[in-house]
Amino acid sequence: MAYGALIISMFLWGGSFIALKIAYLGYHPMFIMAARLTLASLFFLPAARGLGKSYRKGDLKWLVLMALFEPCFYFSFEAEALRYTTASQAGMICSLLPVLVIIPSALFLKERITPARIGGFILAVGGSVWLSLVSEGTESAPDPLLGNTLEFFAMVFATCYTVSVRKLSVRYSATSLTAVQAFVGAPFFLIRLIFSPGAFPRAFPPGPTLAVIFLALFVSTVAYLFYAYGIQKTTASTAVLFINLIPVITLVASIMILKEKITPVQIAASALILGGVVLGQRIRFSRA
């Protein structure tokens, strides 16, 4: 069940890059984030009582940090990233998460680290740099280098989030943790929306509106519920292994839906990223 939950969350997250690109056709990034998290927080209102019952003294800082890491900081960087790069490249940068989580998992969760995993980290990061440097700007992705860099920092915050969830999942359910994210994220982005000139929409086009609803109900709720459940039932480093599905899902969807194109050099750079991820993960299983 844990693996099934993780697979479903990866499909939803893979689709989120496509949905964001579509949402940008009609809405400002801050409106999208505020709307999706406000809707998600309304969905999780019934879970507020359960959260209060399971709360323990001293957990507040960890709960707030978890929510600040993701959705607040993560979405802030990813929202800007997809304004400058393609959905397929952002999905590929997302595959860095399994190798980024290696060091904090070892330091804070006492999970095993090996030289091969460090080598995989270096290889994958090098591939992401190469991918960014060889990609040329287009009308829908004017600055891939900037966009991919912003997406990389989003992955750093996703790493911190993953470690935080694993630490808190010992005492809190997946529903409670996802509810905290929505309750903290909604006011965070509503405040940013108020101070963002021109962010309020004057019209509500059907396609972008459906994309925002998808992001709110399926990505900010169901995907995070399943991911938190998967981490709770496995380990942080095992759960993030499933992130490898995201670039494949995003690549196929972006070509089919957004008609994005990928060059042979970009394919080679993407292969280097995935090779680094596989190296760091496979060796760990063979020595476990």
C-alpha atoms as a PDB file:
ATOM      1  CA  MET A   1       0.000   0.000   0.000  1.00  0.00           C
ATOM      2  CA  ALA A   2       2.872   2.379   0.772  1.00  0.00           C
ATOM      3  CA  TYR A   3       4.467   1.794  -2.625  1.00  0.00           C
ATOM      4  CA  GLY A   4       1.107   2.215  -4.356  1.00  0.00           C
ATOM      5  CA  ALA A   5       0.532   5.513  -2.542  1.00  0.00           C
ATOM      6  CA  LEU A   6       3.975   6.748  -3.575  1.00  0.00           C
ATOM      7  CA  ILE A   7       3.411   5.815  -7.227  1.00  0.00           C
ATOM      8  CA  ILE A   8       0.081   7.676  -7.323  1.00  0.00           C
ATOM      9  CA  SER A   9       1.658  10.761  -5.752  1.00  0.00           C
ATOM     10  CA  MET A  10       4.422  10.718  -8.386  1.00  0.00           C
ATOM     11  CA  PHE A  11       1.902  10.620 -11.241  1.00  0.00           C
ATOM     12  CA  LEU A  12       0.044  13.570  -9.734  1.00  0.00           C
ATOM     13  CA  TRP A  13       3.257  15.528  -9.177  1.00  0.00           C
ATOM     14  CA  GLY A  14       4.425  14.734 -12.690  1.00  0.00           C
ATOM     15  CA  GLY A  15       1.175  16.194 -13.975  1.00  0.00           C
ATOM     16  CA  SER A  16       1.559  19.264 -11.762  1.00  0.00           C
ATOM     17  CA  PHE A  17       4.287  20.708 -14.011  1.00  0.00           C
ATOM     18  CA  ILE A  18       1.916  20.520 -16.982  1.00  0.00           C
ATOM     19  CA  ALA A  19      -0.960  21.981 -14.959  1.00  0.00           C
ATOM     20  CA  LEU A  20       1.184  24.906 -13.814  1.00  0.00           C
ATOM     21  CA  LYS A  21       2.186  25.730 -17.374  1.00  0.00           C
ATOM     22  CA  ILE A  22      -1.496  25.734 -18.373  1.00  0.00           C
ATOM     23  CA  ALA A  23      -2.501  27.788 -15.313  1.00  0.00           C
ATOM     24  CA  TYR A  24       0.114  30.409 -16.223  1.00  0.00           C
ATOM     25  CA  LEU A  25      -1.781  31.082 -19.453  1.00  0.00           C
ATOM     26  CA  GLY A  26      -4.488  32.817 -17.426  1.00  0.00           C
ATOM     27  CA  TYR A  27      -3.228  33.589 -13.933  1.00  0.00           C
ATOM     28  CA  HIS A  28      -0.374  35.187 -12.002  1.00  0.00           C
ATOM     29  CA  PRO A  29       1.831  32.677 -10.073  1.00  0.00           C
ATOM     30  CA  MET A  30       0.889  34.161  -6.680  1.00  0.00           C
ATOM     31  CA  PHE A  31      -2.823  33.851  -7.423  1.00  0.00           C
ATOM     32  CA  ILE A  32      -2.344  30.216  -8.438  1.00  0.00           C
ATOM     33  CA  MET A  33      -0.480  29.349  -5.239  1.00  0.00           C
ATOM     34  CA  ALA A  34      -2.879  31.261  -2.977  1.00  0.00           C
ATOM     35  CA  ALA A  35      -5.942  29.725  -4.633  1.00  0.00           C
ATOM     36  CA  ARG A  36      -4.690  26.141  -4.586  1.00  0.00           C
ATOM     37  CA  LEU A  37      -3.630  26.239  -0.925  1.00  0.00           C
ATOM     38  CA  THR A  38      -6.750  28.073   0.236  1.00  0.00           C
ATOM     39  CA  LEU A  39      -8.887  25.389  -1.397  1.00  0.00           C
ATOM     40  CA  ALA A  40      -6.679  22.694   0.117  1.00  0.00           C
ATOM     41  CA  SER A  41      -6.948  24.224   3.615  1.00  0.00           C
ATOM     42  CA  LEU A  42     -10.751  24.198   3.363  1.00  0.00           C
ATOM     43  CA  PHE A  43     -10.557  20.522   2.436  1.00  0.00           C
ATOM     44  CA  PHE A  44      -8.480  19.799   5.543  1.00  0.00           C
ATOM     45  CA  LEU A  45     -10.540  21.770   8.084  1.00  0.00           C
ATOM     46  CA  PRO A  46     -12.046  18.566   9.580  1.00  0.00           C
ATOM     47  CA  ALA A  47      -8.498  17.333  10.286  1.00  0.00           C
ATOM     48  CA  ALA A  48      -7.697  20.294  12.564  1.00  0.00           C
ATOM     49  CA  ARG A  49      -9.220  18.622  15.633  1.00  0.00           C
ATOM     50  CA  GLY A  50      -7.156  15.466  15.182  1.00  0.00           C
ATOM     51  CA  LEU A  51      -3.998  17.531  14.887  1.00  0.00           C
ATOM     52  CA  GLY A  52      -4.655  19.178  18.240  1.00  0.00           C
ATOM     53  CA  LYS A  53      -5.088  15.825  19.954  1.00  0.00           C
ATOM     54  CA  SER A  54      -1.790  14.413  18.689  1.00  0.00           C
ATOM     55  CA  TYR A  55       0.290  17.560  19.281  1.00  0.00           C
ATOM     56  CA  ARG A  56       3.240  17.261  21.666  1.00  0.00           C
ATOM     57  CA  LYS A  57       5.173  20.046  23.314  1.00  0.00           C
ATOM     58  CA  GLY A  58       8.232  21.042  21.301  1.00  0.00           C
ATOM     59  CA  ASP A  59       6.832  19.920  17.940  1.00  0.00           C
ATOM     60  CA  LEU A  60       5.642  23.367  16.887  1.00  0.00           C
ATOM     61  CA  LYS A  61       8.997  24.440  15.458  1.00  0.00           C
ATOM     62  CA  TRP A  62       9.294  21.239  13.422  1.00  0.00           C
ATOM     63  CA  LEU A  63       5.733  21.535  12.110  1.00  0.00           C
ATOM     64  CA  VAL A  64       6.255  25.165  11.095  1.00  0.00           C
ATOM     65  CA  LEU A  65       9.625  24.399   9.514  1.00  0.00           C
ATOM     66  CA  MET A  66       8.109  21.521   7.543  1.00  0.00           C
ATOM     67  CA  ALA A  67       5.378  23.787   6.147  1.00  0.00           C
ATOM     68  CA  LEU A  68       7.804  26.607   5.405  1.00  0.00           C
ATOM     69  CA  PHE A  69      10.080  24.237   3.496  1.00  0.00           C
ATOM     70  CA  GLU A  70       7.121  22.950   1.509  1.00  0.00           C
ATOM     71  CA  PRO A  71       4.793  24.391   0.319  1.00  0.00           C
ATOM     72  CA  CYS A  72       5.968  27.944   1.147  1.00  0.00           C
ATOM     73  CA  PHE A  73       9.591  28.083  -0.039  1.00  0.00           C
ATOM     74  CA  TYR A  74       9.337  25.162  -2.445  1.00  0.00           C
ATOM     75  CA  PHE A  75       6.321  26.546  -4.319  1.00  0.00           C
ATOM     76  CA  SER A  76       7.798  30.055  -4.330  1.00  0.00           C
ATOM     77  CA  PHE A  77      10.864  28.848  -6.219  1.00  0.00           C
ATOM     78  CA  GLU A  78       9.035  26.379  -8.448  1.00  0.00           C
ATOM     79  CA  ALA A  79       6.403  28.947  -9.428  1.00  0.00           C
ATOM     80  CA  GLU A  80       9.143  31.224 -10.719  1.00  0.00           C
ATOM     81  CA  ALA A  81      11.135  28.344 -12.248  1.00  0.00           C
ATOM     82  CA  LEU A  82       8.330  27.317 -14.589  1.00  0.00           C
ATOM     83  CA  ARG A  83       8.081  30.856 -15.925  1.00  0.00           C
ATOM     84  CA  TYR A  84      11.592  30.488 -17.376  1.00  0.00           C
ATOM     85  CA  THR A  85      12.088  26.803 -18.204  1.00  0.00           C
ATOM     86  CA  THR A  86      10.107  23.973 -19.773  1.00  0.00           C
ATOM     87  CA  ALA A  87       7.977  21.503 -17.837  1.00  0.00           C
ATOM     88  CA  SER A  88      10.125  18.598 -19.069  1.00  0.00           C
ATOM     89  CA  GLN A  89      13.380  20.193 -17.834  1.00  0.00           C
ATOM     90  CA  ALA A  90      11.841  21.113 -14.482  1.00  0.00           C
ATOM     91  CA  GLY A  91      10.709  17.507 -14.107  1.00  0.00           C
ATOM     92  CA  MET A  92      14.237  16.328 -14.856  1.00  0.00           C
ATOM     93  CA  ILE A  93      15.724  18.636 -12.205  1.00  0.00           C
ATOM     94  CA  CYS A  94      13.125  17.214  -9.827  1.00  0.00           C
ATOM     95  CA  SER A  95      14.822  13.812 -10.139  1.00  0.00           C
ATOM     96  CA  LEU A  96      17.741  15.230  -8.126  1.00  0.00           C
ATOM     97  CA  LEU A  97      15.743  14.875  -4.916  1.00  0.00           C
ATOM     98  CA  PRO A  98      16.751  11.249  -4.187  1.00  0.00           C
ATOM     99  CA  VAL A  99      20.453  12.158  -4.196  1.00  0.00           C
ATOM    100  CA  LEU A 100      19.998  15.490  -2.432  1.00  0.00           C
ATOM    101  CA  VAL A 101      18.290  13.760   0.496  1.00  0.00           C
ATOM    102  CA  ILE A 102      21.294  11.495   1.127  1.00  0.00           C
ATOM    103  CA  ILE A 103      23.295  13.745   3.462  1.00  0.00           C
ATOM    104  CA  PRO A 104      20.490  15.121   5.685  1.00  0.00           C
ATOM    105  CA  SER A 105      19.002  11.619   5.993  1.00  0.00           C
ATOM    106  CA  ALA A 106      22.366  10.360   7.245  1.00  0.00           C
ATOM    107  CA  LEU A 107      22.873  13.266   9.656  1.00  0.00           C
ATOM    108  CA  PHE A 108      19.389  13.593  11.132  1.00  0.00           C
ATOM    109  CA  LEU A 109      17.694  10.228  10.495  1.00  0.00           C
ATOM    110  CA  LYS A 110      20.789   8.000  10.838  1.00  0.00           C
ATOM    111  CA  GLU A 111      20.156   6.382   7.450  1.00  0.00           C
ATOM    112  CA  ARG A 112      23.104   4.703   5.756  1.00  0.00           C
ATOM    113  CA  ILE A 113      25.380   6.610   3.367  1.00  0.00           C
ATOM    114  CA  THR A 114      27.962   5.096   0.979  1.00  0.00           C
ATOM    115  CA  PRO A 115      30.692   6.482  -1.312  1.00  0.00           C
ATOM    116  CA  ALA A 116      28.642   5.315  -4.313  1.00  0.00           C
ATOM    117  CA  ARG A 117      25.742   7.497  -3.218  1.00  0.00           C
ATOM    118  CA  ILE A 118      28.060  10.496  -2.962  1.00  0.00           C
ATOM    119  CA  GLY A 119      29.343   9.705  -6.471  1.00  0.00           C
ATOM    120  CA  GLY A 120      25.776   9.519  -7.731  1.00  0.00           C
ATOM    121  CA  PHE A 121      25.082  12.907  -6.168  1.00  0.00           C
ATOM    122  CA  ILE A 122      28.021  14.511  -7.998  1.00  0.00           C
ATOM    123  CA  LEU A 123      27.040  12.871 -11.291  1.00  0.00           C
ATOM    124  CA  ALA A 124      23.392  13.931 -11.064  1.00  0.00           C
ATOM    125  CA  VAL A 125      24.161  17.518 -10.088  1.00  0.00           C
ATOM    126  CA  GLY A 126      26.695  17.732 -12.922  1.00  0.00           C
ATOM    127  CA  GLY A 127      24.030  16.529 -15.345  1.00  0.00           C
ATOM    128  CA  SER A 128      21.591  19.181 -14.161  1.00  0.00           C
ATOM    129  CA  VAL A 129      24.196  21.905 -14.716  1.00  0.00           C
ATOM    130  CA  TRP A 130      24.904  20.559 -18.208  1.00  0.00           C
ATOM    131  CA  LEU A 131      21.191  20.410 -19.031  1.00  0.00           C
ATOM    132  CA  SER A 132      20.779  24.044 -17.994  1.00  0.00           C
ATOM    133  CA  LEU A 133      23.776  25.279 -19.971  1.00  0.00           C
ATOM    134  CA  VAL A 134      22.890  23.552 -23.259  1.00  0.00           C
ATOM    135  CA  SER A 135      19.211  24.555 -23.267  1.00  0.00           C
ATOM    136  CA  GLU A 136      18.219  27.543 -25.385  1.00  0.00           C
ATOM    137  CA  GLY A 137      15.422  29.947 -24.606  1.00  0.00           C
ATOM    138  CA  THR A 138      12.032  29.768 -26.310  1.00  0.00           C
ATOM    139  CA  GLU A 139       8.841  31.798 -26.094  1.00  0.00           C
ATOM    140  CA  SER A 140       7.429  29.570 -23.327  1.00  0.00           C
ATOM    141  CA  ALA A 141      10.830  29.059 -21.642  1.00  0.00           C
ATOM    142  CA  PRO A 142      12.844  32.292 -22.088  1.00  0.00           C
ATOM    143  CA  ASP A 143      15.699  31.510 -19.670  1.00  0.00           C
ATOM    144  CA  PRO A 144      16.237  27.774 -18.973  1.00  0.00           C
ATOM    145  CA  LEU A 145      19.416  28.388 -16.960  1.00  0.00           C
ATOM    146  CA  LEU A 146      17.606  30.655 -14.507  1.00  0.00           C
ATOM    147  CA  GLY A 147      14.542  28.437 -14.432  1.00  0.00           C
ATOM    148  CA  ASN A 148      16.491  25.249 -13.789  1.00  0.00           C
ATOM    149  CA  THR A 149      18.545  26.966 -11.085  1.00  0.00           C
ATOM    150  CA  LEU A 150      15.363  28.062  -9.328  1.00  0.00           C
ATOM    151  CA  GLU A 151      13.989  24.523  -9.640  1.00  0.00           C
ATOM    152  CA  PHE A 152      17.217  23.186  -8.107  1.00  0.00           C
ATOM    153  CA  PHE A 153      16.725  25.400  -5.055  1.00  0.00           C
ATOM    154  CA  ALA A 154      13.133  24.193  -4.889  1.00  0.00           C
ATOM    155  CA  MET A 155      14.548  20.666  -4.635  1.00  0.00           C
ATOM    156  CA  VAL A 156      16.781  21.750  -1.747  1.00  0.00           C
ATOM    157  CA  PHE A 157      13.680  22.831   0.162  1.00  0.00           C
ATOM    158  CA  ALA A 158      11.917  19.603  -0.851  1.00  0.00           C
ATOM    159  CA  THR A 159      14.851  17.725   0.682  1.00  0.00           C
ATOM    160  CA  CYS A 160      14.443  19.571   3.973  1.00  0.00           C
ATOM    161  CA  TYR A 161      10.708  18.876   3.824  1.00  0.00           C
ATOM    162  CA  THR A 162      11.221  15.140   3.292  1.00  0.00           C
ATOM    163  CA  VAL A 163      13.508  14.865   6.315  1.00  0.00           C
ATOM    164  CA  SER A 164      11.085  16.883   8.443  1.00  0.00           C
ATOM    165  CA  VAL A 165       8.120  14.702   7.462  1.00  0.00           C
ATOM    166  CA  ARG A 166      10.041  11.536   8.260  1.00  0.00           C
ATOM    167  CA  LYS A 167      10.886  12.885  11.719  1.00  0.00           C
ATOM    168  CA  LEU A 168       7.299  13.985  12.448  1.00  0.00           C
ATOM    169  CA  SER A 169       5.563  10.960  10.928  1.00  0.00           C
ATOM    170  CA  VAL A 170       6.415   8.929  14.026  1.00  0.00           C
ATOM    171  CA  ARG A 171       3.752  10.877  15.956  1.00  0.00           C
ATOM    172  CA  TYR A 172       1.481  12.426  13.321  1.00  0.00           C
ATOM    173  CA  SER A 173      -0.690  10.933  10.600  1.00  0.00           C
ATOM    174  CA  ALA A 174      -0.244  11.772   6.932  1.00  0.00           C
ATOM    175  CA  THR A 175      -3.544  13.682   7.046  1.00  0.00           C
ATOM    176  CA  SER A 176      -2.401  15.860   9.959  1.00  0.00           C
ATOM    177  CA  LEU A 177       0.941  16.705   8.359  1.00  0.00           C
ATOM    178  CA  THR A 178      -0.632  17.574   5.008  1.00  0.00           C
ATOM    179  CA  ALA A 179      -3.231  19.717   6.791  1.00  0.00           C
ATOM    180  CA  VAL A 180      -0.473  21.712   8.513  1.00  0.00           C
ATOM    181  CA  GLN A 181       1.092  22.413   5.123  1.00  0.00           C
ATOM    182  CA  ALA A 182      -2.190  23.802   3.826  1.00  0.00           C
ATOM    183  CA  PHE A 183      -2.949  25.829   6.964  1.00  0.00           C
ATOM    184  CA  VAL A 184       0.486  27.489   6.918  1.00  0.00           C
ATOM    185  CA  GLY A 185       0.793  27.785   3.145  1.00  0.00           C
ATOM    186  CA  ALA A 186      -2.595  29.450   2.528  1.00  0.00           C
ATOM    187  CA  PRO A 187      -1.966  32.627   4.598  1.00  0.00           C
ATOM    188  CA  PHE A 188       1.661  32.742   3.414  1.00  0.00           C
ATOM    189  CA  PHE A 189       0.641  33.004  -0.244  1.00  0.00           C
ATOM    190  CA  LEU A 190      -2.457  35.129   0.429  1.00  0.00           C
ATOM    191  CA  ILE A 191      -0.213  37.767   2.020  1.00  0.00           C
ATOM    192  CA  ARG A 192       2.158  37.574  -0.936  1.00  0.00           C
ATOM    193  CA  LEU A 193      -0.805  37.847  -3.307  1.00  0.00           C
ATOM    194  CA  ILE A 194      -1.979  41.069  -1.644  1.00  0.00           C
ATOM    195  CA  PHE A 195       1.420  42.668  -2.160  1.00  0.00           C
ATOM    196  CA  SER A 196       1.859  41.452  -5.760  1.00  0.00           C
ATOM    197  CA  PRO A 197       0.758  44.176  -8.220  1.00  0.00           C
ATOM    198  CA  GLY A 198      -1.514  42.919 -10.967  1.00  0.00           C
ATOM    199  CA  ALA A 199      -1.835  39.451  -9.445  1.00  0.00           C
ATOM    200  CA  PHE A 200      -5.623  39.459  -9.042  1.00  0.00           C
ATOM    201  CA  PRO A 201      -7.340  38.106 -12.187  1.00  0.00           C
ATOM    202  CA  ARG A 202      -9.901  40.059 -14.169  1.00  0.00           C
ATOM    203  CA  ALA A 203     -11.256  36.950 -15.901  1.00  0.00           C
ATOM    204  CA  PHE A 204     -11.429  33.221 -15.201  1.00  0.00           C
ATOM    205  CA  PRO A 205     -10.588  31.290 -18.392  1.00  0.00           C
ATOM    206  CA  PRO A 206     -11.795  27.646 -18.314  1.00  0.00           C
ATOM    207  CA  GLY A 207      -8.499  25.841 -19.042  1.00  0.00           C
ATOM    208  CA  PRO A 208      -6.301  27.650 -16.493  1.00  0.00           C
ATOM    209  CA  THR A 209      -9.144  27.495 -13.929  1.00  0.00           C
ATOM    210  CA  LEU A 210      -9.423  23.711 -14.247  1.00  0.00           C
ATOM    211  CA  ALA A 211      -5.634  23.495 -13.910  1.00  0.00           C
ATOM    212  CA  VAL A 212      -5.767  25.440 -10.618  1.00  0.00           C
ATOM    213  CA  ILE A 213      -8.542  23.168  -9.309  1.00  0.00           C
ATOM    214  CA  PHE A 214      -6.475  20.113 -10.251  1.00  0.00           C
ATOM    215  CA  LEU A 215      -3.467  21.557  -8.417  1.00  0.00           C
ATOM    216  CA  ALA A 216      -5.564  22.277  -5.321  1.00  0.00           C
ATOM    217  CA  LEU A 217      -7.567  19.065  -5.015  1.00  0.00           C
ATOM    218  CA  PHE A 218      -5.148  16.492  -6.373  1.00  0.00           C
ATOM    219  CA  VAL A 219      -1.613  17.866  -6.050  1.00  0.00           C
ATOM    220  CA  SER A 220      -1.822  19.869  -2.802  1.00  0.00           C
ATOM    221  CA  THR A 221      -4.062  17.302  -1.082  1.00  0.00           C
ATOM    222  CA  VAL A 222      -4.076  13.756  -2.474  1.00  0.00           C
ATOM    223  CA  ALA A 223      -0.437  13.712  -3.666  1.00  0.00           C
ATOM    224  CA  TYR A 224       0.920  15.028  -0.363  1.00  0.00           C
ATOM    225  CA  LEU A 225      -1.323  12.720   1.654  1.00  0.00           C
ATOM    226  CA  PHE A 226      -0.015   9.689  -0.205  1.00  0.00           C
ATOM    227  CA  TYR A 227       3.609  10.883  -0.097  1.00  0.00           C
ATOM    228  CA  ALA A 228       3.485  11.517   3.655  1.00  0.00           C
ATOM    229  CA  TYR A 229       1.890   8.089   4.140  1.00  0.00           C
ATOM    230  CA  GLY A 230       4.611   6.470   2.022  1.00  0.00           C
ATOM    231  CA  ILE A 231       7.380   8.125   4.043  1.00  0.00           C
ATOM    232  CA  GLN A 232       5.648   7.114   7.259  1.00  0.00           C
ATOM    233  CA  LYS A 233       5.574   3.439   6.239  1.00  0.00           C
ATOM    234  CA  THR A 234       9.064   3.249   4.663  1.00  0.00           C
ATOM    235  CA  THR A 235      12.124   5.530   5.002  1.00  0.00           C
ATOM    236  CA  ALA A 236      12.945   8.971   3.624  1.00  0.00           C
ATOM    237  CA  SER A 237      15.591   7.629   1.242  1.00  0.00           C
ATOM    238  CA  THR A 238      13.279   4.848  -0.006  1.00  0.00           C
ATOM    239  CA  ALA A 239      10.332   7.192  -0.540  1.00  0.00           C
ATOM    240  CA  VAL A 240      12.329   9.692  -2.582  1.00  0.00           C
ATOM    241  CA  LEU A 241      13.491   6.857  -4.853  1.00  0.00           C
ATOM    242  CA  PHE A 242      10.034   7.048  -6.447  1.00  0.00           C
ATOM    243  CA  ILE A 243      10.806  10.634  -7.501  1.00  0.00           C
ATOM    244  CA  ASN A 244      12.609   8.980 -10.443  1.00  0.00           C
ATOM    245  CA  LEU A 245       9.172   8.462 -12.007  1.00  0.00           C
ATOM    246  CA  ILE A 246       8.450  12.201 -12.188  1.00  0.00           C
ATOM    247  CA  PRO A 247      10.810  13.170 -15.053  1.00  0.00           C
ATOM    248  CA  VAL A 248       9.524  10.308 -17.204  1.00  0.00           C
ATOM    249  CA  ILE A 249       5.884  11.190 -16.534  1.00  0.00           C
ATOM    250  CA  THR A 250       6.515  14.903 -17.066  1.00  0.00           C
ATOM    251  CA  LEU A 251       8.539  14.361 -20.239  1.00  0.00           C
ATOM    252  CA  VAL A 252       5.852  12.217 -21.893  1.00  0.00           C
ATOM    253  CA  ALA A 253       3.040  14.549 -20.807  1.00  0.00           C
ATOM    254  CA  SER A 254       4.868  17.724 -21.851  1.00  0.00           C
ATOM    255  CA  ILE A 255       5.543  16.328 -25.337  1.00  0.00           C
ATOM    256  CA  MET A 256       1.965  15.079 -25.770  1.00  0.00           C
ATOM    257  CA  ILE A 257       0.075  17.971 -24.159  1.00  0.00           C
ATOM    258  CA  LEU A 258       2.366  21.024 -24.351  1.00  0.00           C
ATOM    259  CA  LYS A 259       4.131  19.968 -27.578  1.00  0.00           C
ATOM    260  CA  GLU A 260       7.539  20.642 -26.026  1.00  0.00           C
ATOM    261  CA  LYS A 261      10.652  19.500 -27.881  1.00  0.00           C
ATOM    262  CA  ILE A 262      13.832  18.001 -26.454  1.00  0.00           C
ATOM    263  CA  THR A 263      17.187  17.917 -28.281  1.00  0.00           C
ATOM    264  CA  PRO A 264      19.685  15.010 -28.367  1.00  0.00           C
ATOM    265  CA  VAL A 265      22.106  16.968 -26.145  1.00  0.00           C
ATOM    266  CA  GLN A 266      19.343  17.555 -23.601  1.00  0.00           C
ATOM    267  CA  ILE A 267      18.585  13.832 -23.687  1.00  0.00           C
ATOM    268  CA  ALA A 268      22.259  13.077 -22.966  1.00  0.00           C
ATOM    269  CA  ALA A 269      22.307  15.523 -20.034  1.00  0.00           C
ATOM    270  CA  SER A 270      19.063  14.048 -18.711  1.00  0.00           C
ATOM    271  CA  ALA A 271      20.539  10.547 -18.965  1.00  0.00           C
ATOM    272  CA  LEU A 272      23.510  11.717 -16.878  1.00  0.00           C
ATOM    273  CA  ILE A 273      21.132  12.976 -14.187  1.00  0.00           C
ATOM    274  CA  LEU A 274      19.184   9.722 -14.083  1.00  0.00           C
ATOM    275  CA  GLY A 275      22.429   7.727 -14.184  1.00  0.00           C
ATOM    276  CA  GLY A 276      23.663   9.524 -11.089  1.00  0.00           C
ATOM    277  CA  VAL A 277      20.372   8.875  -9.313  1.00  0.00           C
ATOM    278  CA  VAL A 278      20.398   5.170 -10.232  1.00  0.00           C
ATOM    279  CA  LEU A 279      24.057   4.806  -9.163  1.00  0.00           C
ATOM    280  CA  GLY A 280      23.393   6.280  -5.753  1.00  0.00           C
ATOM    281  CA  GLN A 281      20.303   4.149  -5.163  1.00  0.00           C
ATOM    282  CA  ARG A 282      21.188   0.775  -6.676  1.00  0.00           C
ATOM    283  CA  ILE A 283      24.442   0.406  -4.739  1.00  0.00           C
ATOM    284  CA  ARG A 284      22.598   1.062  -1.515  1.00  0.00           C
ATOM    285  CA  PHE A 285      20.188  -1.823  -2.165  1.00  0.00           C
ATOM    286  CA  SER A 286      22.962  -4.241  -3.140  1.00  0.00           C
ATOM    287  CA  ARG A 287      24.756  -3.661   0.160  1.00  0.00           C
ATOM    288  CA  ALA A 288      21.695  -3.517   2.391  1.00  0.00           C
END
